[in-house]
């Protein structure tokens, strides 16, 4: 399974989000630090879920990292998170 599908699957399973965009930004960092040549090193995730409603910003980030797991996080050089609660 490609990394994008793995990220999407784990977040969908953990948070049942109303919005989930998993954007591979690796091409913007080609040749920079952290670019391992895989094309899957830099990611931007936009996620909205009621599961984040009573969590602080830090707790939301920790929850996403925990849902992805060390095996996925270990393959990512950079992960930008935009975590929201639906209106």
C-alpha atoms as a PDB file:
ATOM      1  CA  UNK A   1       0.000   0.000   0.000  1.00  0.00           C
ATOM      2  CA  UNK A   2       1.359   3.449  -0.870  1.00  0.00           C
ATOM      3  CA  UNK A   3       1.992   5.820   2.007  1.00  0.00           C
ATOM      4  CA  UNK A   4      -0.844   8.167   1.012  1.00  0.00           C
ATOM      5  CA  UNK A   5      -3.367   5.322   1.170  1.00  0.00           C
ATOM      6  CA  UNK A   6      -1.959   4.165   4.493  1.00  0.00           C
ATOM      7  CA  UNK A   7      -2.218   7.659   6.010  1.00  0.00           C
ATOM      8  CA  UNK A   8      -5.751   8.076   4.665  1.00  0.00           C
ATOM      9  CA  UNK A   9      -6.864   4.657   5.922  1.00  0.00           C
ATOM     10  CA  UNK A  10      -5.506   5.094   9.441  1.00  0.00           C
ATOM     11  CA  UNK A  11      -6.966   8.574   9.872  1.00  0.00           C
ATOM     12  CA  UNK A  12     -10.325   7.539   8.432  1.00  0.00           C
ATOM     13  CA  UNK A  13     -10.472   4.555  10.779  1.00  0.00           C
ATOM     14  CA  UNK A  14      -9.442   6.541  13.859  1.00  0.00           C
ATOM     15  CA  UNK A  15     -11.436   9.745  13.423  1.00  0.00           C
ATOM     16  CA  UNK A  16     -14.232   9.203  10.835  1.00  0.00           C
ATOM     17  CA  UNK A  17     -13.486  12.707   9.520  1.00  0.00           C
ATOM     18  CA  UNK A  18     -15.931  14.838   7.569  1.00  0.00           C
ATOM     19  CA  UNK A  19     -12.942  16.316   5.702  1.00  0.00           C
ATOM     20  CA  UNK A  20      -9.730  14.467   4.919  1.00  0.00           C
ATOM     21  CA  UNK A  21      -7.175  15.718   2.417  1.00  0.00           C
ATOM     22  CA  UNK A  22      -3.814  13.983   2.273  1.00  0.00           C
ATOM     23  CA  UNK A  23      -1.475  16.008   0.085  1.00  0.00           C
ATOM     24  CA  UNK A  24       1.936  14.792  -0.994  1.00  0.00           C
ATOM     25  CA  UNK A  25       4.222  17.850  -1.096  1.00  0.00           C
ATOM     26  CA  UNK A  26       7.434  15.887  -1.604  1.00  0.00           C
ATOM     27  CA  UNK A  27       7.987  17.262  -5.098  1.00  0.00           C
ATOM     28  CA  UNK A  28       8.352  20.740  -3.573  1.00  0.00           C
ATOM     29  CA  UNK A  29      11.299  19.522  -1.507  1.00  0.00           C
ATOM     30  CA  UNK A  30      13.271  17.516  -4.064  1.00  0.00           C
ATOM     31  CA  UNK A  31      16.971  17.823  -3.309  1.00  0.00           C
ATOM     32  CA  UNK A  32      16.374  19.388   0.114  1.00  0.00           C
ATOM     33  CA  UNK A  33      17.111  17.919   3.525  1.00  0.00           C
ATOM     34  CA  UNK A  34      14.876  14.980   4.265  1.00  0.00           C
ATOM     35  CA  UNK A  35      14.244  14.124   0.629  1.00  0.00           C
ATOM     36  CA  UNK A  36      15.018  10.423   0.503  1.00  0.00           C
ATOM     37  CA  UNK A  37      14.162  10.089  -3.183  1.00  0.00           C
ATOM     38  CA  UNK A  38      11.015   8.043  -2.464  1.00  0.00           C
ATOM     39  CA  UNK A  39       8.657  10.863  -3.393  1.00  0.00           C
ATOM     40  CA  UNK A  40       6.850  10.242  -0.103  1.00  0.00           C
ATOM     41  CA  UNK A  41       8.772  12.331   2.432  1.00  0.00           C
ATOM     42  CA  UNK A  42       6.724  15.524   2.883  1.00  0.00           C
ATOM     43  CA  UNK A  43       2.992  15.525   3.613  1.00  0.00           C
ATOM     44  CA  UNK A  44       0.224  17.992   4.425  1.00  0.00           C
ATOM     45  CA  UNK A  45      -2.951  16.667   6.032  1.00  0.00           C
ATOM     46  CA  UNK A  46      -6.173  18.631   6.388  1.00  0.00           C
ATOM     47  CA  UNK A  47      -8.610  16.824   8.651  1.00  0.00           C
ATOM     48  CA  UNK A  48     -11.892  17.795  10.330  1.00  0.00           C
ATOM     49  CA  UNK A  49     -13.585  15.549  12.859  1.00  0.00           C
ATOM     50  CA  UNK A  50     -15.850  15.822  15.863  1.00  0.00           C
ATOM     51  CA  UNK A  51     -13.297  13.641  17.662  1.00  0.00           C
ATOM     52  CA  UNK A  52     -11.117  16.751  18.071  1.00  0.00           C
ATOM     53  CA  UNK A  53     -13.857  18.862  19.675  1.00  0.00           C
ATOM     54  CA  UNK A  54     -12.661  18.825  23.287  1.00  0.00           C
ATOM     55  CA  UNK A  55      -8.937  18.519  22.591  1.00  0.00           C
ATOM     56  CA  UNK A  56      -6.305  21.233  22.735  1.00  0.00           C
ATOM     57  CA  UNK A  57      -4.213  21.939  19.652  1.00  0.00           C
ATOM     58  CA  UNK A  58      -1.339  19.905  21.081  1.00  0.00           C
ATOM     59  CA  UNK A  59      -3.615  16.998  22.011  1.00  0.00           C
ATOM     60  CA  UNK A  60      -5.046  16.987  18.476  1.00  0.00           C
ATOM     61  CA  UNK A  61      -1.565  16.715  16.983  1.00  0.00           C
ATOM     62  CA  UNK A  62      -0.643  13.951  19.398  1.00  0.00           C
ATOM     63  CA  UNK A  63      -3.844  12.069  18.531  1.00  0.00           C
ATOM     64  CA  UNK A  64      -3.068  12.216  14.806  1.00  0.00           C
ATOM     65  CA  UNK A  65       0.518  11.059  15.385  1.00  0.00           C
ATOM     66  CA  UNK A  66      -0.729   8.191  17.566  1.00  0.00           C
ATOM     67  CA  UNK A  67      -3.293   7.166  14.932  1.00  0.00           C
ATOM     68  CA  UNK A  68      -0.634   7.094  12.235  1.00  0.00           C
ATOM     69  CA  UNK A  69       1.700   5.055  14.408  1.00  0.00           C
ATOM     70  CA  UNK A  70       5.463   4.997  14.694  1.00  0.00           C
ATOM     71  CA  UNK A  71       5.878   2.909  11.549  1.00  0.00           C
ATOM     72  CA  UNK A  72       4.230   5.582   9.363  1.00  0.00           C
ATOM     73  CA  UNK A  73       5.686   8.566  11.235  1.00  0.00           C
ATOM     74  CA  UNK A  74       9.141   7.011  10.894  1.00  0.00           C
ATOM     75  CA  UNK A  75       8.858   7.116   7.084  1.00  0.00           C
ATOM     76  CA  UNK A  76       7.860  10.789   6.970  1.00  0.00           C
ATOM     77  CA  UNK A  77      10.370  13.623   7.111  1.00  0.00           C
ATOM     78  CA  UNK A  78       7.796  16.435   7.407  1.00  0.00           C
ATOM     79  CA  UNK A  79       4.107  16.375   8.303  1.00  0.00           C
ATOM     80  CA  UNK A  80       2.064  19.589   8.250  1.00  0.00           C
ATOM     81  CA  UNK A  81      -1.262  19.240  10.041  1.00  0.00           C
ATOM     82  CA  UNK A  82      -4.351  21.402   9.694  1.00  0.00           C
ATOM     83  CA  UNK A  83      -6.733  19.912  12.269  1.00  0.00           C
ATOM     84  CA  UNK A  84     -10.244  21.294  12.558  1.00  0.00           C
ATOM     85  CA  UNK A  85     -13.577  20.664  14.211  1.00  0.00           C
ATOM     86  CA  UNK A  86     -16.537  20.733  11.755  1.00  0.00           C
ATOM     87  CA  UNK A  87     -18.937  23.669  12.022  1.00  0.00           C
END
